[in-house]
Amino acid sequence: MRTKIVCLSDTHGLHRQVSIPESDILIHAGDLTGLDKSLNSIREFDEWLGELPHSHKIVVPGNHDFAFEEHPFPQSLFRNATVLINQEIRILGLKIWGSPVTPLYGGAFGLSSAADRRKLYANVPAGLDVLVTHGPPYGILDYAPNGIHLGCRELLKTVERTNPRVHIFGHIHGAHSVCTGPPTTFVNAALVGVNDLVTHAPIVVEINRD
């Protein structure tokens, strides 16, 4: 049996401009808010998710989503999705682990220390069906317009160690695409382009649950 997952990231408060395909699972890989850092923007996004027909919805915050980082119980902010912050969930028989962490200094959930990121990613289990992170691994769909790779080397080593079937992320706006394995299919699902306007469509991937 095949499970269809619609992947999106970096909507920056422009989610109502996006047409969302049908799927079994919806996964948003962070930066759901833009310049508005208030709880109101989080609540409005949650309301929008509630209008969508997808049976299962997962959100991993990003570096713009300060309201999650500052809230003592961030998972409680959503009624219409499961929020993953360095944790695992099983949905439809799929093992999914999500983290909002990036190497970005000054952003929400930023861990600029490589040693701290190594310690965190040591908790990522092998045998994952889906890994969701806000940022990309180094050298994979992380190429910025200025010609610099902005991915995380510690995350790349983690992917090489755990070999998830699918790795979904965003963060780098100019690198929206799919890179097919084996063993891992990489999805940069950032919907805004380098102009911070919605210029890309959500990406749909399928996983054979058998």
Foldseek 3Di string as FASTA:
>chain_A
DKFKEWEAEACQLVVVVADTDDTQEYEYQENNHHQDQDLVSLLVVLVVLVVDPHPAYEYEYEQANVVLLPDPCSQVSHDNYGYADLDWDADPLFIEHEHHEFCDPPTRNYDVDLVVVLVSLVPPAAPHQEYGYAFAAFPALQQAPVGDRRHHPSVVVSCVVRQHQEYEYEPRQARADWDHDVVYIYGHRYQAHPVSHRDDHIDMDMDDSD
